[in-house]
Amino acid sequence: MTATSSPRTGQIHALLAEKGYAVSEPAADTLKIRETVSGVSLQAVLEGDILYLSLVCTVAPRAAITAEVMGKMLAANNGISTSHFQLHDAVGGKVAVTLNNFCKLQEMGPDDEDDILSAVHFLLVDVMSARRLLSGLQA
């Protein structure tokens, strides 16, 4: 835990490390989480009682994000059941497509621990479908 991170961030760090994730704290109340088998990394940011989780699926030219692609991203049957997409400006006129999830924390008991682990797991499962869905985008 860094000196400027909350004690709750330290608890989340310890929980994820105990479950086999590689965890670091690049900034206050921010965790970088890497699933060690697949190597997929995501970022978690704790803001108040909400843990926001995000990972970059792809970076593509803005023009590649067409109405057809957006329709696939928003479709109810796209295979992404628990997470949601967001678009972020990137350098060079490109767009980073992220997959996101979150959980609301209470007293950091067993229910919160289960919610954290579930949110991370669901994001890692959903990213497989998301990357297949976005595989046609040209970088």
Foldseek 3Di string as FASTA:
>chain_A
DDPQADVVLVVLQVLLVVVPWDWDAPDHQKIWTARVPVRFIWMWHDDPQKIKIKGFLDKFAPVLCDPVLVCLQPDPPLQQPAWHWDWDDDPPRIITIMIMHMDGHDPPDPVRSVVSVVRVVSRVSNSVSVNVSCVPGDD
